[in-house]
Every structure is written in structure tokens, then in C-alpha cells.
């Protein structure tokens, strides 16, 4: 798996009665989601925020909110075109807002 954590634009649509990513724009290419493998929610990685980390620098409720912030992650199969081979991608966004990122490409 290769990590990227790059911002992307995502278009959502109805898939099997649920709102899900159907396309995303990454590095000026439009990728079409062919299927959703799985999705999950996770909290911030509090264990990796040691000396000088963002959570430590925050005080009070802000630190707690940062540590408890949830992100939704979608593992999808996508392709940039009919002639291209599809790949597996992890798309993530904080539950509290609509900013998306391409978190990883699964090898």
C-alpha cells in the first residue's frame, strides 16, 4: 500500500440506496468508481501524536475534540477510463465536513 494523503474532489451519488463516492478527481484525472469494497469510520491517530504533536499543543476541549474526531474511509475500485486497469483506492473525509483526500493506493 502506498500512502498519499492528497486532497481530491469527490462526487457522490446513490449506490445501492446509500450515498457513496461515484467519481473522484485526482492529479487532474477523473476516476470512476466501479465498486465499493468496504467502508469504515476511525478516530484520529492519537498514539502517534507525541512530543510537540498537534493534539499535545492544543488545550482543553480542542484537544479532546481533535483526538475523538471521526473520519469515514471508503475502499473503492476505480479506473480513469475504459482502457485503463482498475485499482483499489482509499478515499477519506472527516465526518464533520466535506474535505476529501486520497489516503492510499492498495497494491
PDB file of N, CA and C in Angstrom:
ATOM      1  N   UNK A   1       0.846  -1.175   0.000  1.00  0.00           N
ATOM      2  CA  UNK A   1       0.000   0.000   0.000  1.00  0.00           C
ATOM      3  C   UNK A   1       0.889   1.235   0.000  1.00  0.00           C
ATOM      4  N   UNK A   2       0.568   2.163  -0.870  1.00  0.00           N
ATOM      5  CA  UNK A   2       1.285   3.434  -0.932  1.00  0.00           C
ATOM      6  C   UNK A   2       0.415   4.535  -0.345  1.00  0.00           C
ATOM      7  N   UNK A   3       0.960   5.303   0.599  1.00  0.00           N
ATOM      8  CA  UNK A   3       0.231   6.399   1.235  1.00  0.00           C
ATOM      9  C   UNK A   3       0.430   7.679   0.437  1.00  0.00           C
ATOM     10  N   UNK A   4      -0.667   8.457   0.316  1.00  0.00           N
ATOM     11  CA  UNK A   4      -0.609   9.721  -0.396  1.00  0.00           C
ATOM     12  C   UNK A   4      -1.108  10.889   0.447  1.00  0.00           C
ATOM     13  N   UNK A   5      -2.276  10.778   1.047  1.00  0.00           N
ATOM     14  CA  UNK A   5      -2.882  11.867   1.816  1.00  0.00           C
ATOM     15  C   UNK A   5      -2.924  13.169   1.017  1.00  0.00           C
ATOM     16  N   UNK A   6      -3.384  13.075  -0.233  1.00  0.00           N
ATOM     17  CA  UNK A   6      -3.509  14.235  -1.113  1.00  0.00           C
ATOM     18  C   UNK A   6      -4.972  14.646  -1.229  1.00  0.00           C
ATOM     19  N   UNK A   7      -5.239  15.953  -1.270  1.00  0.00           N
ATOM     20  CA  UNK A   7      -6.627  16.404  -1.421  1.00  0.00           C
ATOM     21  C   UNK A   7      -7.190  15.989  -2.774  1.00  0.00           C
ATOM     22  N   UNK A   8      -8.465  15.623  -2.783  1.00  0.00           N
ATOM     23  CA  UNK A   8      -9.171  15.258  -4.010  1.00  0.00           C
ATOM     24  C   UNK A   8     -10.566  15.856  -3.969  1.00  0.00           C
ATOM     25  N   UNK A   9     -11.192  15.909  -5.126  1.00  0.00           N
ATOM     26  CA  UNK A   9     -12.604  16.282  -5.205  1.00  0.00           C
ATOM     27  C   UNK A   9     -13.400  15.011  -5.436  1.00  0.00           C
ATOM     28  N   UNK A  10     -14.507  14.857  -4.722  1.00  0.00           N
ATOM     29  CA  UNK A  10     -15.321  13.652  -4.830  1.00  0.00           C
ATOM     30  C   UNK A  10     -16.744  14.035  -5.201  1.00  0.00           C
ATOM     31  N   UNK A  11     -17.301  13.291  -6.136  1.00  0.00           N
ATOM     32  CA  UNK A  11     -18.722  13.413  -6.461  1.00  0.00           C
ATOM     33  C   UNK A  11     -19.400  12.178  -5.903  1.00  0.00           C
ATOM     34  N   UNK A  12     -20.450  12.420  -5.155  1.00  0.00           N
ATOM     35  CA  UNK A  12     -21.193  11.318  -4.550  1.00  0.00           C
ATOM     36  C   UNK A  12     -22.499  11.105  -5.293  1.00  0.00           C
ATOM     37  N   UNK A  13     -23.019   9.912  -5.188  1.00  0.00           N
ATOM     38  CA  UNK A  13     -24.289   9.565  -5.799  1.00  0.00           C
ATOM     39  C   UNK A  13     -24.880   8.375  -5.069  1.00  0.00           C
ATOM     40  N   UNK A  14     -26.054   8.004  -5.453  1.00  0.00           N
ATOM     41  CA  UNK A  14     -26.722   6.892  -4.787  1.00  0.00           C
ATOM     42  C   UNK A  14     -26.221   5.562  -5.359  1.00  0.00           C
ATOM     43  N   UNK A  15     -25.749   4.699  -4.463  1.00  0.00           N
ATOM     44  CA  UNK A  15     -25.285   3.363  -4.823  1.00  0.00           C
ATOM     45  C   UNK A  15     -25.953   2.390  -3.865  1.00  0.00           C
ATOM     46  N   UNK A  16     -26.757   1.489  -4.391  1.00  0.00           N
ATOM     47  CA  UNK A  16     -27.480   0.520  -3.560  1.00  0.00           C
ATOM     48  C   UNK A  16     -28.258   1.198  -2.431  1.00  0.00           C
ATOM     49  N   UNK A  17     -28.883   2.330  -2.733  1.00  0.00           N
ATOM     50  CA  UNK A  17     -29.717   3.025  -1.760  1.00  0.00           C
ATOM     51  C   UNK A  17     -28.968   3.879  -0.762  1.00  0.00           C
ATOM     52  N   UNK A  18     -27.636   4.010  -0.903  1.00  0.00           N
ATOM     53  CA  UNK A  18     -26.837   4.827   0.011  1.00  0.00           C
ATOM     54  C   UNK A  18     -26.046   5.863  -0.774  1.00  0.00           C
ATOM     55  N   UNK A  19     -25.690   6.958  -0.107  1.00  0.00           N
ATOM     56  CA  UNK A  19     -24.833   7.969  -0.696  1.00  0.00           C
ATOM     57  C   UNK A  19     -23.393   7.461  -0.630  1.00  0.00           C
ATOM     58  N   UNK A  20     -22.713   7.412  -1.774  1.00  0.00           N
ATOM     59  CA  UNK A  20     -21.355   6.874  -1.839  1.00  0.00           C
ATOM     60  C   UNK A  20     -20.569   7.614  -2.915  1.00  0.00           C
ATOM     61  N   UNK A  21     -19.229   7.570  -2.837  1.00  0.00           N
ATOM     62  CA  UNK A  21     -18.429   8.178  -3.898  1.00  0.00           C
ATOM     63  C   UNK A  21     -18.663   7.455  -5.228  1.00  0.00           C
ATOM     64  N   UNK A  22     -18.867   8.227  -6.308  1.00  0.00           N
ATOM     65  CA  UNK A  22     -19.035   7.624  -7.631  1.00  0.00           C
ATOM     66  C   UNK A  22     -17.933   8.081  -8.602  1.00  0.00           C
ATOM     67  N   UNK A  23     -17.287   9.211  -8.298  1.00  0.00           N
ATOM     68  CA  UNK A  23     -16.171   9.715  -9.097  1.00  0.00           C
ATOM     69  C   UNK A  23     -15.257  10.521  -8.184  1.00  0.00           C
ATOM     70  N   UNK A  24     -13.978  10.580  -8.554  1.00  0.00           N
ATOM     71  CA  UNK A  24     -13.081  11.496  -7.856  1.00  0.00           C
ATOM     72  C   UNK A  24     -12.047  12.040  -8.817  1.00  0.00           C
ATOM     73  N   UNK A  25     -11.623  13.273  -8.551  1.00  0.00           N
ATOM     74  CA  UNK A  25     -10.640  13.960  -9.365  1.00  0.00           C
ATOM     75  C   UNK A  25      -9.326  13.962  -8.593  1.00  0.00           C
ATOM     76  N   UNK A  26      -8.309  13.301  -9.163  1.00  0.00           N
ATOM     77  CA  UNK A  26      -7.002  13.202  -8.521  1.00  0.00           C
ATOM     78  C   UNK A  26      -5.928  13.430  -9.570  1.00  0.00           C
ATOM     79  N   UNK A  27      -5.049  14.368  -9.305  1.00  0.00           N
ATOM     80  CA  UNK A  27      -3.955  14.718 -10.221  1.00  0.00           C
ATOM     81  C   UNK A  27      -4.471  14.996 -11.640  1.00  0.00           C
ATOM     82  N   UNK A  28      -5.519  15.796 -11.692  1.00  0.00           N
ATOM     83  CA  UNK A  28      -6.145  16.264 -12.940  1.00  0.00           C
ATOM     84  C   UNK A  28      -6.719  15.131 -13.799  1.00  0.00           C
ATOM     85  N   UNK A  29      -7.005  13.990 -13.189  1.00  0.00           N
ATOM     86  CA  UNK A  29      -7.663  12.887 -13.896  1.00  0.00           C
ATOM     87  C   UNK A  29      -8.947  12.542 -13.169  1.00  0.00           C
ATOM     88  N   UNK A  30      -9.970  12.233 -13.940  1.00  0.00           N
ATOM     89  CA  UNK A  30     -11.252  11.845 -13.381  1.00  0.00           C
ATOM     90  C   UNK A  30     -11.309  10.321 -13.278  1.00  0.00           C
ATOM     91  N   UNK A  31     -11.506   9.806 -12.070  1.00  0.00           N
ATOM     92  CA  UNK A  31     -11.569   8.377 -11.807  1.00  0.00           C
ATOM     93  C   UNK A  31     -13.016   8.001 -11.533  1.00  0.00           C
ATOM     94  N   UNK A  32     -13.480   6.956 -12.177  1.00  0.00           N
ATOM     95  CA  UNK A  32     -14.849   6.472 -11.970  1.00  0.00           C
ATOM     96  C   UNK A  32     -14.806   5.296 -11.019  1.00  0.00           C
ATOM     97  N   UNK A  33     -15.613   5.368  -9.976  1.00  0.00           N
ATOM     98  CA  UNK A  33     -15.690   4.281  -9.003  1.00  0.00           C
ATOM     99  C   UNK A  33     -16.519   3.155  -9.620  1.00  0.00           C
ATOM    100  N   UNK A  34     -15.906   1.980  -9.717  1.00  0.00           N
ATOM    101  CA  UNK A  34     -16.570   0.822 -10.299  1.00  0.00           C
ATOM    102  C   UNK A  34     -17.320   0.023  -9.237  1.00  0.00           C
ATOM    103  N   UNK A  35     -16.748  -0.009  -8.026  1.00  0.00           N
ATOM    104  CA  UNK A  35     -17.412  -0.706  -6.919  1.00  0.00           C
ATOM    105  C   UNK A  35     -16.829  -0.231  -5.599  1.00  0.00           C
ATOM    106  N   UNK A  36     -17.608  -0.412  -4.546  1.00  0.00           N
ATOM    107  CA  UNK A  36     -17.159  -0.107  -3.186  1.00  0.00           C
ATOM    108  C   UNK A  36     -16.838  -1.434  -2.522  1.00  0.00           C
ATOM    109  N   UNK A  37     -15.570  -1.595  -2.100  1.00  0.00           N
ATOM    110  CA  UNK A  37     -15.185  -2.830  -1.421  1.00  0.00           C
ATOM    111  C   UNK A  37     -15.662  -2.838   0.025  1.00  0.00           C
ATOM    112  N   UNK A  38     -15.408  -1.730   0.714  1.00  0.00           N
ATOM    113  CA  UNK A  38     -15.810  -1.620   2.113  1.00  0.00           C
ATOM    114  C   UNK A  38     -15.710  -0.162   2.537  1.00  0.00           C
ATOM    115  N   UNK A  39     -16.239   0.139   3.698  1.00  0.00           N
ATOM    116  CA  UNK A  39     -16.084   1.467   4.299  1.00  0.00           C
ATOM    117  C   UNK A  39     -16.099   1.313   5.807  1.00  0.00           C
ATOM    118  N   UNK A  40     -15.475   2.270   6.490  1.00  0.00           N
ATOM    119  CA  UNK A  40     -15.427   2.233   7.940  1.00  0.00           C
ATOM    120  C   UNK A  40     -15.185   3.623   8.483  1.00  0.00           C
ATOM    121  N   UNK A  41     -15.373   3.769   9.779  1.00  0.00           N
ATOM    122  CA  UNK A  41     -15.075   5.025  10.469  1.00  0.00           C
ATOM    123  C   UNK A  41     -13.936   4.760  11.433  1.00  0.00           C
ATOM    124  N   UNK A  42     -13.088   5.774  11.581  1.00  0.00           N
ATOM    125  CA  UNK A  42     -11.983   5.654  12.525  1.00  0.00           C
ATOM    126  C   UNK A  42     -11.741   6.994  13.200  1.00  0.00           C
ATOM    127  N   UNK A  43     -11.151   6.928  14.388  1.00  0.00           N
ATOM    128  CA  UNK A  43     -10.808   8.144  15.114  1.00  0.00           C
ATOM    129  C   UNK A  43      -9.387   8.557  14.766  1.00  0.00           C
ATOM    130  N   UNK A  44      -9.003   9.752  15.203  1.00  0.00           N
ATOM    131  CA  UNK A  44      -7.665  10.275  14.928  1.00  0.00           C
ATOM    132  C   UNK A  44      -6.608   9.368  15.534  1.00  0.00           C
ATOM    133  N   UNK A  45      -5.422   9.377  14.954  1.00  0.00           N
ATOM    134  CA  UNK A  45      -4.321   8.531  15.427  1.00  0.00           C
ATOM    135  C   UNK A  45      -3.621   9.163  16.635  1.00  0.00           C
ATOM    136  N   UNK A  46      -4.296   9.114  17.762  1.00  0.00           N
ATOM    137  CA  UNK A  46      -3.803   9.748  18.991  1.00  0.00           C
ATOM    138  C   UNK A  46      -2.463   9.163  19.443  1.00  0.00           C
ATOM    139  N   UNK A  47      -2.161   7.914  19.124  1.00  0.00           N
ATOM    140  CA  UNK A  47      -0.946   7.266  19.599  1.00  0.00           C
ATOM    141  C   UNK A  47       0.309   7.793  18.918  1.00  0.00           C
ATOM    142  N   UNK A  48       0.171   8.433  17.763  1.00  0.00           N
ATOM    143  CA  UNK A  48       1.353   8.920  17.055  1.00  0.00           C
ATOM    144  C   UNK A  48       1.592  10.408  17.294  1.00  0.00           C
ATOM    145  N   UNK A  49       0.880  11.003  18.213  1.00  0.00           N
ATOM    146  CA  UNK A  49       1.000  12.440  18.462  1.00  0.00           C
ATOM    147  C   UNK A  49       1.789  12.693  19.729  1.00  0.00           C
ATOM    148  N   UNK A  50       3.058  12.435  19.685  1.00  0.00           N
ATOM    149  CA  UNK A  50       3.929  12.602  20.844  1.00  0.00           C
ATOM    150  C   UNK A  50       4.423  14.020  20.974  1.00  0.00           C
ATOM    151  N   UNK A  51       5.610  14.169  21.501  1.00  0.00           N
ATOM    152  CA  UNK A  51       6.209  15.461  21.824  1.00  0.00           C
ATOM    153  C   UNK A  51       6.032  16.475  20.702  1.00  0.00           C
ATOM    154  N   UNK A  52       5.316  17.539  20.999  1.00  0.00           N
ATOM    155  CA  UNK A  52       5.119  18.618  20.043  1.00  0.00           C
ATOM    156  C   UNK A  52       4.026  18.356  19.031  1.00  0.00           C
ATOM    157  N   UNK A  53       3.321  17.241  19.150  1.00  0.00           N
ATOM    158  CA  UNK A  53       2.255  16.907  18.210  1.00  0.00           C
ATOM    159  C   UNK A  53       1.091  17.863  18.341  1.00  0.00           C
ATOM    160  N   UNK A  54       0.247  17.916  17.344  1.00  0.00           N
ATOM    161  CA  UNK A  54      -0.860  18.861  17.322  1.00  0.00           C
ATOM    162  C   UNK A  54      -1.772  18.692  18.520  1.00  0.00           C
ATOM    163  N   UNK A  55      -2.097  17.463  18.878  1.00  0.00           N
ATOM    164  CA  UNK A  55      -3.006  17.237  19.988  1.00  0.00           C
ATOM    165  C   UNK A  55      -2.391  17.709  21.300  1.00  0.00           C
ATOM    166  N   UNK A  56      -1.092  17.527  21.458  1.00  0.00           N
ATOM    167  CA  UNK A  56      -0.430  17.952  22.686  1.00  0.00           C
ATOM    168  C   UNK A  56      -0.395  19.472  22.790  1.00  0.00           C
ATOM    169  N   UNK A  57      -0.231  20.129  21.653  1.00  0.00           N
ATOM    170  CA  UNK A  57      -0.159  21.586  21.653  1.00  0.00           C
ATOM    171  C   UNK A  57      -1.514  22.221  21.939  1.00  0.00           C
ATOM    172  N   UNK A  58      -2.598  21.480  21.641  1.00  0.00           N
ATOM    173  CA  UNK A  58      -3.932  22.005  21.903  1.00  0.00           C
ATOM    174  C   UNK A  58      -4.243  21.889  23.383  1.00  0.00           C
ATOM    175  N   UNK A  59      -5.180  22.705  23.851  1.00  0.00           N
ATOM    176  CA  UNK A  59      -5.514  22.691  25.265  1.00  0.00           C
ATOM    177  C   UNK A  59      -7.006  22.490  25.433  1.00  0.00           C
ATOM    178  N   UNK A  60      -7.382  21.729  26.445  1.00  0.00           N
ATOM    179  CA  UNK A  60      -8.776  21.591  26.835  1.00  0.00           C
ATOM    180  C   UNK A  60      -9.618  20.843  25.831  1.00  0.00           C
ATOM    181  N   UNK A  61     -10.820  21.374  25.601  1.00  0.00           N
ATOM    182  CA  UNK A  61     -11.811  20.709  24.760  1.00  0.00           C
ATOM    183  C   UNK A  61     -11.315  20.537  23.328  1.00  0.00           C
ATOM    184  N   UNK A  62     -10.499  21.477  22.827  1.00  0.00           N
ATOM    185  CA  UNK A  62      -9.990  21.354  21.462  1.00  0.00           C
ATOM    186  C   UNK A  62      -9.159  20.096  21.286  1.00  0.00           C
ATOM    187  N   UNK A  63      -8.335  19.764  22.275  1.00  0.00           N
ATOM    188  CA  UNK A  63      -7.511  18.555  22.199  1.00  0.00           C
ATOM    189  C   UNK A  63      -8.390  17.322  22.206  1.00  0.00           C
ATOM    190  N   UNK A  64      -9.403  17.302  23.081  1.00  0.00           N
ATOM    191  CA  UNK A  64     -10.306  16.158  23.140  1.00  0.00           C
ATOM    192  C   UNK A  64     -11.066  16.005  21.843  1.00  0.00           C
ATOM    193  N   UNK A  65     -11.531  17.100  21.269  1.00  0.00           N
ATOM    194  CA  UNK A  65     -12.282  17.035  20.017  1.00  0.00           C
ATOM    195  C   UNK A  65     -11.392  16.516  18.900  1.00  0.00           C
ATOM    196  N   UNK A  66     -10.130  16.965  18.871  1.00  0.00           N
ATOM    197  CA  UNK A  66      -9.195  16.518  17.842  1.00  0.00           C
ATOM    198  C   UNK A  66      -8.950  15.014  17.952  1.00  0.00           C
ATOM    199  N   UNK A  67      -8.779  14.530  19.171  1.00  0.00           N
ATOM    200  CA  UNK A  67      -8.500  13.111  19.382  1.00  0.00           C
ATOM    201  C   UNK A  67      -9.702  12.235  19.071  1.00  0.00           C
ATOM    202  N   UNK A  68     -10.903  12.779  19.236  1.00  0.00           N
ATOM    203  CA  UNK A  68     -12.109  11.988  19.030  1.00  0.00           C
ATOM    204  C   UNK A  68     -12.735  12.207  17.656  1.00  0.00           C
ATOM    205  N   UNK A  69     -12.116  13.047  16.837  1.00  0.00           N
ATOM    206  CA  UNK A  69     -12.666  13.327  15.507  1.00  0.00           C
ATOM    207  C   UNK A  69     -12.721  12.041  14.689  1.00  0.00           C
ATOM    208  N   UNK A  70     -13.846  11.836  14.041  1.00  0.00           N
ATOM    209  CA  UNK A  70     -14.015  10.645  13.215  1.00  0.00           C
ATOM    210  C   UNK A  70     -13.817  10.969  11.747  1.00  0.00           C
ATOM    211  N   UNK A  71     -13.245  10.029  11.046  1.00  0.00           N
ATOM    212  CA  UNK A  71     -13.151  10.098   9.593  1.00  0.00           C
ATOM    213  C   UNK A  71     -13.843   8.874   9.020  1.00  0.00           C
ATOM    214  N   UNK A  72     -14.437   9.072   7.860  1.00  0.00           N
ATOM    215  CA  UNK A  72     -15.038   7.956   7.139  1.00  0.00           C
ATOM    216  C   UNK A  72     -14.089   7.598   6.004  1.00  0.00           C
ATOM    217  N   UNK A  73     -13.777   6.321   5.875  1.00  0.00           N
ATOM    218  CA  UNK A  73     -12.852   5.843   4.856  1.00  0.00           C
ATOM    219  C   UNK A  73     -13.599   4.879   3.940  1.00  0.00           C
ATOM    220  N   UNK A  74     -13.441   5.082   2.656  1.00  0.00           N
ATOM    221  CA  UNK A  74     -14.061   4.228   1.640  1.00  0.00           C
ATOM    222  C   UNK A  74     -12.953   3.547   0.857  1.00  0.00           C
ATOM    223  N   UNK A  75     -12.966   2.231   0.779  1.00  0.00           N
ATOM    224  CA  UNK A  75     -12.041   1.499  -0.091  1.00  0.00           C
ATOM    225  C   UNK A  75     -12.826   1.144  -1.344  1.00  0.00           C
ATOM    226  N   UNK A  76     -12.373   1.701  -2.487  1.00  0.00           N
ATOM    227  CA  UNK A  76     -13.118   1.554  -3.736  1.00  0.00           C
ATOM    228  C   UNK A  76     -12.221   1.000  -4.836  1.00  0.00           C
ATOM    229  N   UNK A  77     -12.851   0.397  -5.815  1.00  0.00           N
ATOM    230  CA  UNK A  77     -12.183   0.002  -7.051  1.00  0.00           C
ATOM    231  C   UNK A  77     -12.545   1.073  -8.068  1.00  0.00           C
ATOM    232  N   UNK A  78     -11.523   1.681  -8.693  1.00  0.00           N
ATOM    233  CA  UNK A  78     -11.771   2.783  -9.618  1.00  0.00           C
ATOM    234  C   UNK A  78     -10.832   2.708 -10.812  1.00  0.00           C
ATOM    235  N   UNK A  79     -11.237   3.389 -11.885  1.00  0.00           N
ATOM    236  CA  UNK A  79     -10.444   3.413 -13.108  1.00  0.00           C
ATOM    237  C   UNK A  79     -10.578   4.787 -13.762  1.00  0.00           C
ATOM    238  N   UNK A  80      -9.494   5.277 -14.396  1.00  0.00           N
ATOM    239  CA  UNK A  80      -9.581   6.572 -15.073  1.00  0.00           C
ATOM    240  C   UNK A  80     -10.126   6.477 -16.493  1.00  0.00           C
ATOM    241  N   UNK A  81     -10.482   5.295 -16.945  1.00  0.00           N
ATOM    242  CA  UNK A  81     -11.034   5.143 -18.283  1.00  0.00           C
ATOM    243  C   UNK A  81     -11.249   3.686 -18.626  1.00  0.00           C
ATOM    244  N   UNK A  82     -11.980   3.440 -19.696  1.00  0.00           N
ATOM    245  CA  UNK A  82     -12.329   2.075 -20.085  1.00  0.00           C
ATOM    246  C   UNK A  82     -11.104   1.241 -20.448  1.00  0.00           C
ATOM    247  N   UNK A  83     -10.071   1.866 -21.001  1.00  0.00           N
ATOM    248  CA  UNK A  83      -8.891   1.112 -21.428  1.00  0.00           C
ATOM    249  C   UNK A  83      -7.843   0.954 -20.326  1.00  0.00           C
ATOM    250  N   UNK A  84      -8.040   1.609 -19.201  1.00  0.00           N
ATOM    251  CA  UNK A  84      -7.078   1.540 -18.091  1.00  0.00           C
ATOM    252  C   UNK A  84      -7.460   0.433 -17.116  1.00  0.00           C
ATOM    253  N   UNK A  85      -6.462  -0.168 -16.504  1.00  0.00           N
ATOM    254  CA  UNK A  85      -6.718  -1.200 -15.500  1.00  0.00           C
ATOM    255  C   UNK A  85      -7.224  -0.553 -14.221  1.00  0.00           C
ATOM    256  N   UNK A  86      -8.237  -1.129 -13.598  1.00  0.00           N
ATOM    257  CA  UNK A  86      -8.733  -0.568 -12.333  1.00  0.00           C
ATOM    258  C   UNK A  86      -7.757  -0.835 -11.196  1.00  0.00           C
ATOM    259  N   UNK A  87      -7.848  -0.004 -10.174  1.00  0.00           N
ATOM    260  CA  UNK A  87      -7.036  -0.155  -8.981  1.00  0.00           C
ATOM    261  C   UNK A  87      -7.902   0.022  -7.749  1.00  0.00           C
ATOM    262  N   UNK A  88      -7.306  -0.216  -6.579  1.00  0.00           N
ATOM    263  CA  UNK A  88      -8.010  -0.090  -5.307  1.00  0.00           C
ATOM    264  C   UNK A  88      -7.477   1.149  -4.587  1.00  0.00           C
ATOM    265  N   UNK A  89      -8.394   2.027  -4.166  1.00  0.00           N
ATOM    266  CA  UNK A  89      -8.045   3.319  -3.586  1.00  0.00           C
ATOM    267  C   UNK A  89      -8.792   3.523  -2.277  1.00  0.00           C
ATOM    268  N   UNK A  90      -8.137   4.202  -1.327  1.00  0.00           N
ATOM    269  CA  UNK A  90      -8.799   4.576  -0.079  1.00  0.00           C
ATOM    270  C   UNK A  90      -9.063   6.070  -0.100  1.00  0.00           C
ATOM    271  N   UNK A  91     -10.352   6.426  -0.036  1.00  0.00           N
ATOM    272  CA  UNK A  91     -10.796   7.815  -0.008  1.00  0.00           C
ATOM    273  C   UNK A  91     -11.282   8.112   1.400  1.00  0.00           C
ATOM    274  N   UNK A  92     -10.875   9.239   1.962  1.00  0.00           N
ATOM    275  CA  UNK A  92     -11.246   9.550   3.345  1.00  0.00           C
ATOM    276  C   UNK A  92     -11.709  10.987   3.475  1.00  0.00           C
ATOM    277  N   UNK A  93     -12.602  11.205   4.456  1.00  0.00           N
ATOM    278  CA  UNK A  93     -13.008  12.565   4.795  1.00  0.00           C
ATOM    279  C   UNK A  93     -13.468  12.599   6.245  1.00  0.00           C
ATOM    280  N   UNK A  94     -13.188  13.722   6.931  1.00  0.00           N
ATOM    281  CA  UNK A  94     -13.689  13.883   8.293  1.00  0.00           C
ATOM    282  C   UNK A  94     -15.216  13.919   8.271  1.00  0.00           C
ATOM    283  N   UNK A  95     -15.839  13.286   9.244  1.00  0.00           N
ATOM    284  CA  UNK A  95     -17.295  13.252   9.322  1.00  0.00           C
ATOM    285  C   UNK A  95     -17.857  14.655   9.486  1.00  0.00           C
ATOM    286  N   UNK A  96     -17.094  15.544  10.106  1.00  0.00           N
ATOM    287  CA  UNK A  96     -17.581  16.888  10.407  1.00  0.00           C
ATOM    288  C   UNK A  96     -17.614  17.832   9.199  1.00  0.00           C
ATOM    289  N   UNK A  97     -16.933  17.499   8.087  1.00  0.00           N
ATOM    290  CA  UNK A  97     -17.005  18.355   6.894  1.00  0.00           C
ATOM    291  C   UNK A  97     -16.728  17.548   5.629  1.00  0.00           C
ATOM    292  N   UNK A  98     -16.772  18.222   4.477  1.00  0.00           N
ATOM    293  CA  UNK A  98     -16.746  17.533   3.187  1.00  0.00           C
ATOM    294  C   UNK A  98     -15.387  17.492   2.494  1.00  0.00           C
ATOM    295  N   UNK A  99     -14.309  17.874   3.142  1.00  0.00           N
ATOM    296  CA  UNK A  99     -12.983  17.824   2.511  1.00  0.00           C
ATOM    297  C   UNK A  99     -12.547  16.360   2.389  1.00  0.00           C
ATOM    298  N   UNK A 100     -12.182  15.954   1.185  1.00  0.00           N
ATOM    299  CA  UNK A 100     -11.784  14.574   0.924  1.00  0.00           C
ATOM    300  C   UNK A 100     -10.282  14.497   0.636  1.00  0.00           C
ATOM    301  N   UNK A 101      -9.706  13.319   0.874  1.00  0.00           N
ATOM    302  CA  UNK A 101      -8.326  13.080   0.492  1.00  0.00           C
ATOM    303  C   UNK A 101      -8.192  11.660  -0.025  1.00  0.00           C
ATOM    304  N   UNK A 102      -7.249  11.476  -0.936  1.00  0.00           N
ATOM    305  CA  UNK A 102      -6.887  10.142  -1.362  1.00  0.00           C
ATOM    306  C   UNK A 102      -5.834   9.694  -0.370  1.00  0.00           C
ATOM    307  N   UNK A 103      -6.205   8.762   0.477  1.00  0.00           N
ATOM    308  CA  UNK A 103      -5.329   8.351   1.554  1.00  0.00           C
ATOM    309  C   UNK A 103      -4.277   7.353   1.093  1.00  0.00           C
ATOM    310  N   UNK A 104      -4.675   6.401   0.256  1.00  0.00           N
ATOM    311  CA  UNK A 104      -3.738   5.357  -0.146  1.00  0.00           C
ATOM    312  C   UNK A 104      -4.175   4.680  -1.424  1.00  0.00           C
ATOM    313  N   UNK A 105      -3.192   4.060  -2.085  1.00  0.00           N
ATOM    314  CA  UNK A 105      -3.438   3.180  -3.229  1.00  0.00           C
ATOM    315  C   UNK A 105      -2.975   1.804  -2.792  1.00  0.00           C
ATOM    316  N   UNK A 106      -3.874   0.837  -2.886  1.00  0.00           N
ATOM    317  CA  UNK A 106      -3.557  -0.513  -2.441  1.00  0.00           C
ATOM    318  C   UNK A 106      -2.901  -1.267  -3.587  1.00  0.00           C
ATOM    319  N   UNK A 107      -1.739  -1.818  -3.324  1.00  0.00           N
ATOM    320  CA  UNK A 107      -1.009  -2.586  -4.357  1.00  0.00           C
ATOM    321  C   UNK A 107      -1.590  -3.960  -4.542  1.00  0.00           C
TER     322      UNK A 107
END
